[in-house]
Amino acid sequence: MKRYLITLCFLLNACSNLPPTIKNPPLYDISYVQVIEDMARYKNAPVRWGGVIVGVENEQNFSLVQVLYYPLDDDGRPQTDQPNEGRFLIKSPEFLDPVVYTKNTEITVAGTIIGELERTIGKKALRLPLIAATTIYRWPVYVYDNYYNGFGYGYNPYYGGYPYYWGSYYWPSYTPFIRPPFRRP
């Protein structure tokens, strides 16, 4: 029972920690395809977009993050199981450490479209929408912990034979952090 209560607390806590700008979309939610078709029309429009980080470039006074766009679910998390629609750039006045904002990290950004920048990907030059970020949210990575999954009794010759309890009493099956491996004495 404790296990389920702890898991429920983690889930409720994770939902309540979303910033309001990420949790609630703008009044008119503008899609990526609409902006690509006519970027000048949507200049200074508020957006909430998300995806997976491709790379981070740090300049003297700002950081640029290149993101592979994915549609968002109801909570604002990128749906990486859907097909991506293209790329966009995030401009942040803060220093964004490339070690923290690593490649393939899922993020959601709230901000305004301030223009477009040209980037070369391979040998092709593309014009990508540029968003001035007000909020950038990195989604936590949940690691499936197969070793501690479940509970029960069984035979273990190393600990006195049968019956032997195995399972995860204190750890949930999905952990939002990577912990060191458990070692028994």
Foldseek 3Di string as FASTA:
>chain_A
DVQVVVVVVVVVVQLVPDDPPQQDFPPDADDPVNCQVPVVVQAFPKYKWKAWWPFWDDDDQKIKTKGFTADADNRNWGDVVDDTDGIAIEIERDDDDCVVRDGGWIKMFIFGFHAWDWDADPNDIDTHTYGHGPDMDTDFDKDQDPQQADWDFDFDPVPPGPTDIGHDDPDHRIDRDDDDDDDDD
